[in-house]
């Protein structure tokens, strides 16, 4: 984790919602799974991944592995981790006619 970025979000937790919104918007545009997982991993650490592990009944190691850039995590694992961090995966409509 970039300690500077992680430290910023530890000190400014009110900024996390916007950060995650942008992360998912970027993913919707470029489909870069590695970048999205890296961003989720950083926020999971900021929000204390150990607490997230207890809430999801997934081990800390499994959370780290699921959010690893080298993995292709199961949808239900990402959903459980997001829920444990206080978020949901909610669809957002796209303007499919935009150029």
Foldseek 3Di string as FASTA:
>chain_A
DPCVVLVVCLVVVVCLVVVLVVLVVVCVVPVQLLSSLVSLVSLCVSLPVCQLCVQLVHHSVVSCQQSHSPDPHDPVSVQSSQVSSPHGDDDDDDPPPDD
